[in-house]
């Protein structure tokens, strides 16, 4: 059976970017199954660990390009797993931030080095990797303009 692939140049490039992303995420997901977390949860643990303090949903939203309500659901799941905890400056405060629990720190430290991604990306030389970063950076910069709710006509 032959794979159906777009032939138009930009569509083919987009197809290849999405396909590569799919396989990278799938490899990372398989790697993280032993820790019972998703790649997105591992990324959130990494952000919380790097910031090293109470982090608000607004800050996480900015870091991840995800909506606050989506992050709220993710953080609630992670709280139930004992990875993070909610922190309020005072008991009745509406200001809310998140910090890593001990289990979250341990999980982050165990899964912070994605071996599968490193193995997959090893097909690129250092120069090719730098070129890829530049090219994808251009695409991301242009695509961020379409982060709005409505796509321009």
Protein backbone atom coordinates (compact mmCIF):
# COMPACT_ATOMS: atom_id res chain seq x y z
CA UNK A 1 0.00 0.00 0.00
CA UNK A 2 1.38 3.39 -0.96
CA UNK A 3 1.41 6.27 1.52
CA UNK A 4 -0.62 9.30 0.45
CA UNK A 5 1.69 12.31 0.67
CA UNK A 6 0.93 15.91 -0.37
CA UNK A 7 2.91 16.93 -3.45
CA UNK A 8 2.65 20.71 -3.15
CA UNK A 9 5.95 21.98 -1.67
CA UNK A 10 4.62 23.77 1.45
CA UNK A 11 2.04 21.08 2.19
CA UNK A 12 4.68 18.36 1.88
CA UNK A 13 7.01 20.25 4.25
CA UNK A 14 4.18 20.72 6.77
CA UNK A 15 3.30 17.03 6.44
CA UNK A 16 6.90 16.02 7.17
CA UNK A 17 7.15 18.36 10.19
CA UNK A 18 3.90 17.00 11.64
CA UNK A 19 4.91 13.40 10.94
CA UNK A 20 8.35 13.84 12.54
CA UNK A 21 6.69 15.49 15.56
CA UNK A 22 4.23 12.60 15.82
CA UNK A 23 7.01 10.01 15.92
CA UNK A 24 9.13 12.04 18.36
CA UNK A 25 6.19 12.43 20.74
CA UNK A 26 5.26 8.76 20.41
CA UNK A 27 8.84 7.71 21.23
CA UNK A 28 8.89 10.05 24.24
CA UNK A 29 5.48 8.78 25.39
CA UNK A 30 6.74 5.17 25.29
CA UNK A 31 9.84 6.20 27.20
CA UNK A 32 7.73 7.88 29.92
CA UNK A 33 5.24 5.02 30.42
CA UNK A 34 7.32 3.61 33.29
CA UNK A 35 6.83 6.91 35.15
CA UNK A 36 3.08 7.06 34.37
CA UNK A 37 3.25 10.58 32.90
CA UNK A 38 2.75 12.07 29.45
CA UNK A 39 5.33 14.08 27.49
CA UNK A 40 3.34 17.23 28.26
CA UNK A 41 3.37 16.47 31.98
CA UNK A 42 7.14 15.85 31.80
CA UNK A 43 7.51 19.24 30.11
CA UNK A 44 5.46 20.93 32.86
CA UNK A 45 7.59 19.23 35.54
CA UNK A 46 10.67 20.53 33.75
CA UNK A 47 9.34 24.10 33.72
CA UNK A 48 8.36 23.96 37.40
CA UNK A 49 11.75 22.48 38.32
CA UNK A 50 13.64 25.11 36.30
CA UNK A 51 11.71 28.03 37.77
CA UNK A 52 12.15 26.56 41.26
CA UNK A 53 9.33 28.51 42.90
CA UNK A 54 5.57 28.85 42.89
CA UNK A 55 4.54 29.19 39.25
CA UNK A 56 1.17 30.58 38.19
CA UNK A 57 -1.03 29.22 35.43
CA UNK A 58 -0.44 32.47 33.54
CA UNK A 59 3.32 31.86 33.60
CA UNK A 60 2.86 28.24 32.53
CA UNK A 61 0.54 29.40 29.75
CA UNK A 62 3.18 31.78 28.45
CA UNK A 63 5.92 29.13 28.67
CA UNK A 64 3.93 26.38 26.94
CA UNK A 65 1.65 28.30 24.53
CA UNK A 66 -1.32 26.47 26.05
CA UNK A 67 -4.55 27.98 27.31
CA UNK A 68 -4.97 28.45 31.05
CA UNK A 69 -8.04 26.21 31.27
CA UNK A 70 -6.13 23.36 29.57
CA UNK A 71 -3.24 23.80 31.99
CA UNK A 72 -5.62 23.90 34.93
CA UNK A 73 -6.93 20.45 33.98
CA UNK A 74 -3.38 19.13 33.54
CA UNK A 75 -2.23 20.56 36.87
CA UNK A 76 -5.26 19.07 38.66
CA UNK A 77 -4.35 15.63 37.27
CA UNK A 78 -0.74 16.11 38.30
CA UNK A 79 -1.86 17.21 41.76
CA UNK A 80 -3.90 14.01 42.12
CA UNK A 81 -0.79 12.01 41.16
CA UNK A 82 1.13 13.77 43.94
CA UNK A 83 3.55 15.48 41.54
CA UNK A 84 2.60 19.10 42.29
CA UNK A 85 0.77 21.06 44.96
CA UNK A 86 -1.28 24.24 44.90
CA UNK A 87 0.13 27.11 46.89
CA UNK A 88 -1.83 30.13 48.11
CA UNK A 89 -0.16 33.12 49.83
CA UNK A 90 -2.99 33.14 52.38
CA UNK A 91 -5.74 30.57 52.98
CA UNK A 92 -8.49 32.60 51.26
CA UNK A 93 -6.31 34.13 48.55
CA UNK A 94 -7.45 33.98 44.95
CA UNK A 95 -3.80 34.01 43.85
CA UNK A 96 -2.72 30.48 43.09
CA UNK A 97 0.60 28.98 42.11
CA UNK A 98 2.04 25.49 41.78
CA UNK A 99 5.15 23.90 43.21
CA UNK A 100 6.70 20.49 42.79
CA UNK A 101 6.11 17.87 45.45
CA UNK A 102 8.98 15.51 46.34
CA UNK A 103 7.50 12.89 44.00
CA UNK A 104 7.42 15.48 41.20
CA UNK A 105 11.08 16.35 41.72
CA UNK A 106 12.05 12.65 41.74
CA UNK A 107 10.00 11.98 38.60
CA UNK A 108 11.52 14.97 36.82
CA UNK A 109 15.07 13.91 37.68
CA UNK A 110 14.43 10.35 36.50
CA UNK A 111 12.94 11.34 33.14
CA UNK A 112 14.72 14.58 32.28
CA UNK A 113 17.06 13.06 29.70
CA UNK A 114 15.01 11.84 26.73
CA UNK A 115 17.11 8.97 25.38
CA UNK A 116 14.71 8.13 22.55
CA UNK A 117 14.70 11.69 21.22
CA UNK A 118 18.50 11.83 21.42
CA UNK A 119 18.74 8.57 19.48
CA UNK A 120 16.31 9.70 16.78
CA UNK A 121 17.96 13.10 16.40
CA UNK A 122 21.42 11.50 16.16
CA UNK A 123 20.87 11.07 12.40
CA UNK A 124 21.64 14.80 12.10
CA UNK A 125 25.14 16.20 12.21
CA UNK A 126 25.79 19.16 14.53
CA UNK A 127 25.64 21.49 11.52
CA UNK A 128 22.37 19.97 10.28
CA UNK A 129 20.91 20.27 13.78
CA UNK A 130 21.83 23.98 13.89
CA UNK A 131 20.27 24.49 10.43
CA UNK A 132 17.12 22.69 11.53
CA UNK A 133 16.84 24.94 14.62
CA UNK A 134 17.17 28.04 12.44
CA UNK A 135 14.62 26.82 9.91
CA UNK A 136 12.09 25.71 12.53
CA UNK A 137 12.68 28.97 14.42
CA UNK A 138 11.64 30.93 11.32
CA UNK A 139 8.51 28.80 10.95
CA UNK A 140 7.59 29.17 14.64
CA UNK A 141 8.11 32.94 14.56
CA UNK A 142 5.81 33.26 11.55
CA UNK A 143 3.27 30.79 12.96
CA UNK A 144 3.06 32.64 16.30
CA UNK A 145 1.31 35.45 14.46
CA UNK A 146 -1.56 33.01 13.89
CA UNK A 147 -1.88 32.19 17.58
CA UNK A 148 -4.92 34.44 17.65
CA UNK A 149 -8.38 32.97 17.96
CA UNK A 150 -9.26 33.86 14.37
CA UNK A 151 -7.01 33.01 11.47
CA UNK A 152 -6.74 35.93 9.00
CA UNK A 153 -8.59 35.51 5.69
